[in-house]
């Protein structure tokens, strides 16, 4: 199974490259260090809600679009781990009947 597509890949391949916009130009335009955009593109940094607002303003989209891409990627990264994450958790309904 191939790794999921990251928000950074979407940013680079579906927006920056087709539009002919460099990572540095985008960073300057939205007021962030170029390294921040590069780390998002490389999958080393997540798109935060604050960054989603900047991306939305830059591309003329809702911030929720970019935030949603990040959240979906985060959930896919946890796929198969949900059982491990919830083991040992007592459901609230069980506490109410005790």
PDB file of N, CA and C in Angstrom:
ATOM      1  N   UNK A   1       0.842  -1.177   0.000  1.00  0.00           N
ATOM      2  CA  UNK A   1       0.000   0.000   0.000  1.00  0.00           C
ATOM      3  C   UNK A   1       0.891   1.246   0.000  1.00  0.00           C
ATOM      4  N   UNK A   2       0.625   2.156  -0.915  1.00  0.00           N
ATOM      5  CA  UNK A   2       1.442   3.364  -0.999  1.00  0.00           C
ATOM      6  C   UNK A   2       1.041   4.353   0.090  1.00  0.00           C
ATOM      7  N   UNK A   3       1.982   5.176   0.511  1.00  0.00           N
ATOM      8  CA  UNK A   3       1.653   6.154   1.558  1.00  0.00           C
ATOM      9  C   UNK A   3       0.620   7.150   1.042  1.00  0.00           C
ATOM     10  N   UNK A   4      -0.212   7.675   1.937  1.00  0.00           N
ATOM     11  CA  UNK A   4      -1.236   8.622   1.498  1.00  0.00           C
ATOM     12  C   UNK A   4      -0.612   9.907   0.955  1.00  0.00           C
ATOM     13  N   UNK A   5      -1.324  10.531   0.055  1.00  0.00           N
ATOM     14  CA  UNK A   5      -0.882  11.811  -0.485  1.00  0.00           C
ATOM     15  C   UNK A   5      -0.969  12.848   0.629  1.00  0.00           C
ATOM     16  N   UNK A   6       0.062  13.639   0.761  1.00  0.00           N
ATOM     17  CA  UNK A   6       0.097  14.642   1.827  1.00  0.00           C
ATOM     18  C   UNK A   6      -0.464  15.977   1.328  1.00  0.00           C
ATOM     19  N   UNK A   7      -0.884  16.827   2.261  1.00  0.00           N
ATOM     20  CA  UNK A   7      -1.332  18.159   1.867  1.00  0.00           C
ATOM     21  C   UNK A   7      -0.244  18.928   1.105  1.00  0.00           C
ATOM     22  N   UNK A   8       1.006  18.692   1.460  1.00  0.00           N
ATOM     23  CA  UNK A   8       2.107  19.353   0.764  1.00  0.00           C
ATOM     24  C   UNK A   8       2.223  18.937  -0.688  1.00  0.00           C
ATOM     25  N   UNK A   9       1.978  17.646  -0.956  1.00  0.00           N
ATOM     26  CA  UNK A   9       1.999  17.184  -2.345  1.00  0.00           C
ATOM     27  C   UNK A   9       0.878  17.840  -3.141  1.00  0.00           C
ATOM     28  N   UNK A  10      -0.289  17.957  -2.521  1.00  0.00           N
ATOM     29  CA  UNK A  10      -1.418  18.618  -3.183  1.00  0.00           C
ATOM     30  C   UNK A  10      -1.069  20.077  -3.454  1.00  0.00           C
ATOM     31  N   UNK A  11      -0.512  20.745  -2.460  1.00  0.00           N
ATOM     32  CA  UNK A  11      -0.113  22.140  -2.619  1.00  0.00           C
ATOM     33  C   UNK A  11       0.842  22.298  -3.799  1.00  0.00           C
ATOM     34  N   UNK A  12       1.868  21.467  -3.843  1.00  0.00           N
ATOM     35  CA  UNK A  12       2.887  21.581  -4.879  1.00  0.00           C
ATOM     36  C   UNK A  12       2.367  21.180  -6.254  1.00  0.00           C
ATOM     37  N   UNK A  13       1.773  19.978  -6.339  1.00  0.00           N
ATOM     38  CA  UNK A  13       1.423  19.401  -7.636  1.00  0.00           C
ATOM     39  C   UNK A  13       0.134  19.944  -8.245  1.00  0.00           C
ATOM     40  N   UNK A  14      -0.804  20.373  -7.406  1.00  0.00           N
ATOM     41  CA  UNK A  14      -2.084  20.837  -7.940  1.00  0.00           C
ATOM     42  C   UNK A  14      -2.237  22.355  -7.922  1.00  0.00           C
ATOM     43  N   UNK A  15      -1.347  23.036  -7.228  1.00  0.00           N
ATOM     44  CA  UNK A  15      -1.470  24.488  -7.125  1.00  0.00           C
ATOM     45  C   UNK A  15      -0.207  25.214  -7.564  1.00  0.00           C
ATOM     46  N   UNK A  16       0.881  25.050  -6.830  1.00  0.00           N
ATOM     47  CA  UNK A  16       2.067  25.849  -7.112  1.00  0.00           C
ATOM     48  C   UNK A  16       2.654  25.579  -8.495  1.00  0.00           C
ATOM     49  N   UNK A  17       2.936  24.316  -8.804  1.00  0.00           N
ATOM     50  CA  UNK A  17       3.554  24.009 -10.099  1.00  0.00           C
ATOM     51  C   UNK A  17       2.671  24.421 -11.276  1.00  0.00           C
ATOM     52  N   UNK A  18       1.373  24.037 -11.298  1.00  0.00           N
ATOM     53  CA  UNK A  18       0.544  24.447 -12.438  1.00  0.00           C
ATOM     54  C   UNK A  18       0.392  25.967 -12.573  1.00  0.00           C
ATOM     55  N   UNK A  19       0.446  26.675 -11.453  1.00  0.00           N
ATOM     56  CA  UNK A  19       0.289  28.129 -11.483  1.00  0.00           C
ATOM     57  C   UNK A  19       1.619  28.848 -11.720  1.00  0.00           C
ATOM     58  N   UNK A  20       2.714  28.102 -11.692  1.00  0.00           N
ATOM     59  CA  UNK A  20       4.027  28.703 -11.889  1.00  0.00           C
ATOM     60  C   UNK A  20       4.463  29.580 -10.729  1.00  0.00           C
ATOM     61  N   UNK A  21       4.031  29.215  -9.524  1.00  0.00           N
ATOM     62  CA  UNK A  21       4.368  29.986  -8.324  1.00  0.00           C
ATOM     63  C   UNK A  21       5.403  29.203  -7.519  1.00  0.00           C
ATOM     64  N   UNK A  22       6.488  29.854  -7.165  1.00  0.00           N
ATOM     65  CA  UNK A  22       7.513  29.177  -6.361  1.00  0.00           C
ATOM     66  C   UNK A  22       7.098  29.149  -4.894  1.00  0.00           C
ATOM     67  N   UNK A  23       7.702  28.236  -4.167  1.00  0.00           N
ATOM     68  CA  UNK A  23       7.455  28.168  -2.726  1.00  0.00           C
ATOM     69  C   UNK A  23       7.863  29.478  -2.058  1.00  0.00           C
ATOM     70  N   UNK A  24       8.976  30.043  -2.491  1.00  0.00           N
ATOM     71  CA  UNK A  24       9.443  31.303  -1.914  1.00  0.00           C
ATOM     72  C   UNK A  24       8.469  32.437  -2.184  1.00  0.00           C
ATOM     73  N   UNK A  25       7.947  32.501  -3.400  1.00  0.00           N
ATOM     74  CA  UNK A  25       6.995  33.562  -3.740  1.00  0.00           C
ATOM     75  C   UNK A  25       5.733  33.436  -2.902  1.00  0.00           C
ATOM     76  N   UNK A  26       5.254  32.214  -2.720  1.00  0.00           N
ATOM     77  CA  UNK A  26       4.066  32.019  -1.897  1.00  0.00           C
ATOM     78  C   UNK A  26       4.348  32.437  -0.463  1.00  0.00           C
ATOM     79  N   UNK A  27       5.482  32.006   0.054  1.00  0.00           N
ATOM     80  CA  UNK A  27       5.839  32.337   1.438  1.00  0.00           C
ATOM     81  C   UNK A  27       5.874  33.851   1.643  1.00  0.00           C
ATOM     82  N   UNK A  28       6.511  34.565   0.727  1.00  0.00           N
ATOM     83  CA  UNK A  28       6.574  36.029   0.838  1.00  0.00           C
ATOM     84  C   UNK A  28       5.175  36.636   0.778  1.00  0.00           C
ATOM     85  N   UNK A  29       4.350  36.113  -0.117  1.00  0.00           N
ATOM     86  CA  UNK A  29       3.005  36.664  -0.306  1.00  0.00           C
ATOM     87  C   UNK A  29       2.114  36.476   0.914  1.00  0.00           C
ATOM     88  N   UNK A  30       2.313  35.375   1.649  1.00  0.00           N
ATOM     89  CA  UNK A  30       1.442  35.123   2.807  1.00  0.00           C
ATOM     90  C   UNK A  30       2.110  35.464   4.133  1.00  0.00           C
ATOM     91  N   UNK A  31       3.342  35.958   4.065  1.00  0.00           N
ATOM     92  CA  UNK A  31       4.017  36.433   5.266  1.00  0.00           C
ATOM     93  C   UNK A  31       4.536  35.364   6.201  1.00  0.00           C
ATOM     94  N   UNK A  32       5.066  34.277   5.627  1.00  0.00           N
ATOM     95  CA  UNK A  32       5.665  33.220   6.448  1.00  0.00           C
ATOM     96  C   UNK A  32       7.072  32.933   5.929  1.00  0.00           C
ATOM     97  N   UNK A  33       7.922  32.327   6.750  1.00  0.00           N
ATOM     98  CA  UNK A  33       9.257  31.970   6.269  1.00  0.00           C
ATOM     99  C   UNK A  33       9.167  30.926   5.151  1.00  0.00           C
ATOM    100  N   UNK A  34      10.011  31.035   4.127  1.00  0.00           N
ATOM    101  CA  UNK A  34      10.004  30.042   3.053  1.00  0.00           C
ATOM    102  C   UNK A  34      10.150  28.611   3.565  1.00  0.00           C
ATOM    103  N   UNK A  35      10.896  28.449   4.641  1.00  0.00           N
ATOM    104  CA  UNK A  35      11.092  27.110   5.207  1.00  0.00           C
ATOM    105  C   UNK A  35       9.754  26.478   5.613  1.00  0.00           C
ATOM    106  N   UNK A  36       8.806  27.290   6.087  1.00  0.00           N
ATOM    107  CA  UNK A  36       7.500  26.762   6.499  1.00  0.00           C
ATOM    108  C   UNK A  36       6.783  26.115   5.322  1.00  0.00           C
ATOM    109  N   UNK A  37       6.796  26.778   4.177  1.00  0.00           N
ATOM    110  CA  UNK A  37       6.146  26.213   2.987  1.00  0.00           C
ATOM    111  C   UNK A  37       6.900  24.975   2.530  1.00  0.00           C
ATOM    112  N   UNK A  38       8.225  25.040   2.517  1.00  0.00           N
ATOM    113  CA  UNK A  38       9.020  23.897   2.096  1.00  0.00           C
ATOM    114  C   UNK A  38       8.783  22.689   2.982  1.00  0.00           C
ATOM    115  N   UNK A  39       8.682  22.885   4.279  1.00  0.00           N
ATOM    116  CA  UNK A  39       8.440  21.759   5.187  1.00  0.00           C
ATOM    117  C   UNK A  39       7.041  21.175   4.990  1.00  0.00           C
ATOM    118  N   UNK A  40       6.071  22.001   4.650  1.00  0.00           N
ATOM    119  CA  UNK A  40       4.735  21.479   4.324  1.00  0.00           C
ATOM    120  C   UNK A  40       4.817  20.640   3.057  1.00  0.00           C
ATOM    121  N   UNK A  41       5.493  21.160   2.033  1.00  0.00           N
ATOM    122  CA  UNK A  41       5.641  20.429   0.767  1.00  0.00           C
ATOM    123  C   UNK A  41       6.346  19.094   0.990  1.00  0.00           C
ATOM    124  N   UNK A  42       7.332  19.066   1.852  1.00  0.00           N
ATOM    125  CA  UNK A  42       8.088  17.833   2.121  1.00  0.00           C
ATOM    126  C   UNK A  42       7.376  16.888   3.089  1.00  0.00           C
ATOM    127  N   UNK A  43       6.238  17.302   3.624  1.00  0.00           N
ATOM    128  CA  UNK A  43       5.499  16.457   4.566  1.00  0.00           C
ATOM    129  C   UNK A  43       6.080  16.464   5.963  1.00  0.00           C
ATOM    130  N   UNK A  44       6.920  17.440   6.268  1.00  0.00           N
ATOM    131  CA  UNK A  44       7.542  17.528   7.590  1.00  0.00           C
ATOM    132  C   UNK A  44       6.773  18.438   8.540  1.00  0.00           C
ATOM    133  N   UNK A  45       5.805  19.175   8.009  1.00  0.00           N
ATOM    134  CA  UNK A  45       5.026  20.118   8.811  1.00  0.00           C
ATOM    135  C   UNK A  45       3.575  20.030   8.368  1.00  0.00           C
ATOM    136  N   UNK A  46       2.681  20.134   9.326  1.00  0.00           N
ATOM    137  CA  UNK A  46       1.246  20.112   9.030  1.00  0.00           C
ATOM    138  C   UNK A  46       0.758  21.511   8.682  1.00  0.00           C
ATOM    139  N   UNK A  47      -0.381  21.552   8.004  1.00  0.00           N
ATOM    140  CA  UNK A  47      -1.044  22.823   7.734  1.00  0.00           C
ATOM    141  C   UNK A  47      -1.914  23.126   8.949  1.00  0.00           C
ATOM    142  N   UNK A  48      -1.512  24.099   9.729  1.00  0.00           N
ATOM    143  CA  UNK A  48      -2.244  24.484  10.936  1.00  0.00           C
ATOM    144  C   UNK A  48      -3.486  25.287  10.550  1.00  0.00           C
ATOM    145  N   UNK A  49      -4.424  25.462  11.487  1.00  0.00           N
ATOM    146  CA  UNK A  49      -5.574  26.324  11.184  1.00  0.00           C
ATOM    147  C   UNK A  49      -5.151  27.736  10.747  1.00  0.00           C
ATOM    148  N   UNK A  50      -4.132  28.298  11.396  1.00  0.00           N
ATOM    149  CA  UNK A  50      -3.663  29.635  11.001  1.00  0.00           C
ATOM    150  C   UNK A  50      -3.111  29.626   9.575  1.00  0.00           C
ATOM    151  N   UNK A  51      -2.376  28.574   9.232  1.00  0.00           N
ATOM    152  CA  UNK A  51      -1.837  28.471   7.881  1.00  0.00           C
ATOM    153  C   UNK A  51      -2.972  28.242   6.881  1.00  0.00           C
ATOM    154  N   UNK A  52      -4.000  27.502   7.289  1.00  0.00           N
ATOM    155  CA  UNK A  52      -5.167  27.284   6.427  1.00  0.00           C
ATOM    156  C   UNK A  52      -5.826  28.610   6.059  1.00  0.00           C
ATOM    157  N   UNK A  53      -5.894  29.519   7.022  1.00  0.00           N
ATOM    158  CA  UNK A  53      -6.470  30.843   6.752  1.00  0.00           C
ATOM    159  C   UNK A  53      -5.621  31.576   5.715  1.00  0.00           C
ATOM    160  N   UNK A  54      -4.318  31.510   5.861  1.00  0.00           N
ATOM    161  CA  UNK A  54      -3.413  32.161   4.899  1.00  0.00           C
ATOM    162  C   UNK A  54      -3.537  31.525   3.512  1.00  0.00           C
ATOM    163  N   UNK A  55      -3.551  30.189   3.469  1.00  0.00           N
ATOM    164  CA  UNK A  55      -3.681  29.497   2.184  1.00  0.00           C
ATOM    165  C   UNK A  55      -5.004  29.861   1.516  1.00  0.00           C
ATOM    166  N   UNK A  56      -6.075  29.869   2.302  1.00  0.00           N
ATOM    167  CA  UNK A  56      -7.384  30.209   1.751  1.00  0.00           C
ATOM    168  C   UNK A  56      -7.398  31.598   1.147  1.00  0.00           C
ATOM    169  N   UNK A  57      -6.820  32.562   1.848  1.00  0.00           N
ATOM    170  CA  UNK A  57      -6.759  33.931   1.330  1.00  0.00           C
ATOM    171  C   UNK A  57      -5.902  34.003   0.067  1.00  0.00           C
ATOM    172  N   UNK A  58      -4.804  33.280   0.042  1.00  0.00           N
ATOM    173  CA  UNK A  58      -3.888  33.301  -1.099  1.00  0.00           C
ATOM    174  C   UNK A  58      -4.524  32.700  -2.350  1.00  0.00           C
ATOM    175  N   UNK A  59      -5.191  31.556  -2.179  1.00  0.00           N
ATOM    176  CA  UNK A  59      -5.764  30.858  -3.330  1.00  0.00           C
ATOM    177  C   UNK A  59      -7.229  31.211  -3.587  1.00  0.00           C
ATOM    178  N   UNK A  60      -7.818  32.068  -2.749  1.00  0.00           N
ATOM    179  CA  UNK A  60      -9.220  32.436  -2.933  1.00  0.00           C
ATOM    180  C   UNK A  60     -10.167  31.300  -2.591  1.00  0.00           C
ATOM    181  N   UNK A  61      -9.822  30.554  -1.563  1.00  0.00           N
ATOM    182  CA  UNK A  61     -10.623  29.410  -1.122  1.00  0.00           C
ATOM    183  C   UNK A  61     -10.950  29.570   0.355  1.00  0.00           C
ATOM    184  N   UNK A  62     -11.818  28.685   0.827  1.00  0.00           N
ATOM    185  CA  UNK A  62     -12.121  28.714   2.255  1.00  0.00           C
ATOM    186  C   UNK A  62     -10.961  28.082   3.025  1.00  0.00           C
ATOM    187  N   UNK A  63     -10.699  28.575   4.223  1.00  0.00           N
ATOM    188  CA  UNK A  63      -9.667  27.948   5.051  1.00  0.00           C
ATOM    189  C   UNK A  63     -10.017  26.498   5.371  1.00  0.00           C
ATOM    190  N   UNK A  64     -11.318  26.222   5.442  1.00  0.00           N
ATOM    191  CA  UNK A  64     -11.766  24.858   5.758  1.00  0.00           C
ATOM    192  C   UNK A  64     -11.310  23.850   4.713  1.00  0.00           C
ATOM    193  N   UNK A  65     -11.140  24.295   3.473  1.00  0.00           N
ATOM    194  CA  UNK A  65     -10.649  23.400   2.421  1.00  0.00           C
ATOM    195  C   UNK A  65      -9.282  22.839   2.808  1.00  0.00           C
ATOM    196  N   UNK A  66      -8.356  23.722   3.147  1.00  0.00           N
ATOM    197  CA  UNK A  66      -6.997  23.291   3.491  1.00  0.00           C
ATOM    198  C   UNK A  66      -6.954  22.565   4.822  1.00  0.00           C
ATOM    199  N   UNK A  67      -7.733  23.034   5.775  1.00  0.00           N
ATOM    200  CA  UNK A  67      -7.793  22.362   7.071  1.00  0.00           C
ATOM    201  C   UNK A  67      -8.334  20.942   6.892  1.00  0.00           C
ATOM    202  N   UNK A  68      -9.359  20.798   6.053  1.00  0.00           N
ATOM    203  CA  UNK A  68      -9.950  19.483   5.805  1.00  0.00           C
ATOM    204  C   UNK A  68      -8.969  18.506   5.180  1.00  0.00           C
ATOM    205  N   UNK A  69      -8.155  18.995   4.254  1.00  0.00           N
ATOM    206  CA  UNK A  69      -7.138  18.132   3.643  1.00  0.00           C
ATOM    207  C   UNK A  69      -6.173  17.626   4.710  1.00  0.00           C
ATOM    208  N   UNK A  70      -5.762  18.510   5.604  1.00  0.00           N
ATOM    209  CA  UNK A  70      -4.830  18.115   6.661  1.00  0.00           C
ATOM    210  C   UNK A  70      -5.463  17.110   7.612  1.00  0.00           C
ATOM    211  N   UNK A  71      -6.701  17.367   8.027  1.00  0.00           N
ATOM    212  CA  UNK A  71      -7.385  16.455   8.958  1.00  0.00           C
ATOM    213  C   UNK A  71      -7.553  15.080   8.322  1.00  0.00           C
ATOM    214  N   UNK A  72      -7.944  15.044   7.051  1.00  0.00           N
ATOM    215  CA  UNK A  72      -8.101  13.757   6.365  1.00  0.00           C
ATOM    216  C   UNK A  72      -6.781  13.003   6.325  1.00  0.00           C
ATOM    217  N   UNK A  73      -5.707  13.695   6.047  1.00  0.00           N
ATOM    218  CA  UNK A  73      -4.385  13.064   6.018  1.00  0.00           C
ATOM    219  C   UNK A  73      -4.004  12.538   7.398  1.00  0.00           C
ATOM    220  N   UNK A  74      -4.297  13.314   8.429  1.00  0.00           N
ATOM    221  CA  UNK A  74      -3.983  12.885   9.794  1.00  0.00           C
ATOM    222  C   UNK A  74      -4.741  11.614  10.163  1.00  0.00           C
ATOM    223  N   UNK A  75      -6.022  11.544   9.783  1.00  0.00           N
ATOM    224  CA  UNK A  75      -6.802  10.343  10.078  1.00  0.00           C
ATOM    225  C   UNK A  75      -6.288   9.140   9.293  1.00  0.00           C
ATOM    226  N   UNK A  76      -5.929   9.344   8.026  1.00  0.00           N
ATOM    227  CA  UNK A  76      -5.387   8.232   7.234  1.00  0.00           C
ATOM    228  C   UNK A  76      -4.091   7.720   7.840  1.00  0.00           C
ATOM    229  N   UNK A  77      -3.297   8.608   8.389  1.00  0.00           N
ATOM    230  CA  UNK A  77      -2.036   8.199   9.018  1.00  0.00           C
ATOM    231  C   UNK A  77      -2.284   7.320  10.236  1.00  0.00           C
ATOM    232  N   UNK A  78      -3.446   7.475  10.855  1.00  0.00           N
ATOM    233  CA  UNK A  78      -3.793   6.664  12.029  1.00  0.00           C
ATOM    234  C   UNK A  78      -4.552   5.391  11.671  1.00  0.00           C
ATOM    235  N   UNK A  79      -4.840   5.196  10.392  1.00  0.00           N
ATOM    236  CA  UNK A  79      -5.590   4.010   9.974  1.00  0.00           C
ATOM    237  C   UNK A  79      -4.904   2.752  10.481  1.00  0.00           C
ATOM    238  N   UNK A  80      -5.684   1.855  11.025  1.00  0.00           N
ATOM    239  CA  UNK A  80      -5.153   0.615  11.553  1.00  0.00           C
ATOM    240  C   UNK A  80      -4.648   0.728  12.978  1.00  0.00           C
ATOM    241  N   UNK A  81      -4.556   1.923  13.491  1.00  0.00           N
ATOM    242  CA  UNK A  81      -4.080   2.114  14.855  1.00  0.00           C
ATOM    243  C   UNK A  81      -5.220   2.421  15.811  1.00  0.00           C
ATOM    244  N   UNK A  82      -6.441   2.529  15.294  1.00  0.00           N
ATOM    245  CA  UNK A  82      -7.554   2.951  16.154  1.00  0.00           C
ATOM    246  C   UNK A  82      -7.807   1.966  17.287  1.00  0.00           C
ATOM    247  N   UNK A  83      -7.680   0.686  17.014  1.00  0.00           N
ATOM    248  CA  UNK A  83      -7.886  -0.308  18.071  1.00  0.00           C
ATOM    249  C   UNK A  83      -6.887  -0.112  19.205  1.00  0.00           C
ATOM    250  N   UNK A  84      -5.657   0.124  18.844  1.00  0.00           N
ATOM    251  CA  UNK A  84      -4.603   0.357  19.837  1.00  0.00           C
ATOM    252  C   UNK A  84      -4.867   1.651  20.614  1.00  0.00           C
ATOM    253  N   UNK A  85      -5.357   2.676  19.919  1.00  0.00           N
ATOM    254  CA  UNK A  85      -5.607   3.965  20.572  1.00  0.00           C
ATOM    255  C   UNK A  85      -6.731   3.893  21.596  1.00  0.00           C
ATOM    256  N   UNK A  86      -7.735   3.040  21.338  1.00  0.00           N
ATOM    257  CA  UNK A  86      -8.894   3.005  22.230  1.00  0.00           C
ATOM    258  C   UNK A  86      -8.854   1.860  23.235  1.00  0.00           C
ATOM    259  N   UNK A  87      -7.885   0.974  23.119  1.00  0.00           N
ATOM    260  CA  UNK A  87      -7.829  -0.119  24.087  1.00  0.00           C
ATOM    261  C   UNK A  87      -7.581   0.462  25.474  1.00  0.00           C
ATOM    262  N   UNK A  88      -8.318  -0.031  26.425  1.00  0.00           N
ATOM    263  CA  UNK A  88      -8.169   0.444  27.788  1.00  0.00           C
ATOM    264  C   UNK A  88      -9.043   1.636  28.136  1.00  0.00           C
ATOM    265  N   UNK A  89      -9.787   2.165  27.154  1.00  0.00           N
ATOM    266  CA  UNK A  89     -10.691   3.287  27.435  1.00  0.00           C
ATOM    267  C   UNK A  89     -12.039   2.733  27.868  1.00  0.00           C
ATOM    268  N   UNK A  90     -12.542   3.219  28.971  1.00  0.00           N
ATOM    269  CA  UNK A  90     -13.862   2.826  29.459  1.00  0.00           C
ATOM    270  C   UNK A  90     -14.891   3.793  28.884  1.00  0.00           C
ATOM    271  N   UNK A  91     -15.880   3.280  28.129  1.00  0.00           N
ATOM    272  CA  UNK A  91     -16.904   4.155  27.564  1.00  0.00           C
ATOM    273  C   UNK A  91     -17.716   4.852  28.662  1.00  0.00           C
ATOM    274  N   UNK A  92     -18.171   6.052  28.380  1.00  0.00           N
ATOM    275  CA  UNK A  92     -18.945   6.838  29.342  1.00  0.00           C
ATOM    276  C   UNK A  92     -20.187   6.091  29.796  1.00  0.00           C
ATOM    277  N   UNK A  93     -20.840   5.362  28.877  1.00  0.00           N
ATOM    278  CA  UNK A  93     -22.064   4.634  29.242  1.00  0.00           C
ATOM    279  C   UNK A  93     -21.794   3.595  30.322  1.00  0.00           C
ATOM    280  N   UNK A  94     -20.586   3.016  30.307  1.00  0.00           N
ATOM    281  CA  UNK A  94     -20.235   2.035  31.335  1.00  0.00           C
ATOM    282  C   UNK A  94     -20.035   2.696  32.696  1.00  0.00           C
ATOM    283  N   UNK A  95     -19.595   3.921  32.703  1.00  0.00           N
ATOM    284  CA  UNK A  95     -19.431   4.650  33.961  1.00  0.00           C
ATOM    285  C   UNK A  95     -20.781   5.033  34.553  1.00  0.00           C
ATOM    286  N   UNK A  96     -21.750   5.314  33.692  1.00  0.00           N
ATOM    287  CA  UNK A  96     -23.073   5.720  34.156  1.00  0.00           C
ATOM    288  C   UNK A  96     -23.824   4.570  34.809  1.00  0.00           C
ATOM    289  N   UNK A  97     -23.565   3.356  34.334  1.00  0.00           N
ATOM    290  CA  UNK A  97     -24.286   2.208  34.886  1.00  0.00           C
ATOM    291  C   UNK A  97     -23.588   1.626  36.117  1.00  0.00           C
ATOM    292  N   UNK A  98     -22.446   2.144  36.458  1.00  0.00           N
ATOM    293  CA  UNK A  98     -21.692   1.607  37.601  1.00  0.00           C
ATOM    294  C   UNK A  98     -22.198   2.144  38.920  1.00  0.00           C
TER     295      UNK A  98
END
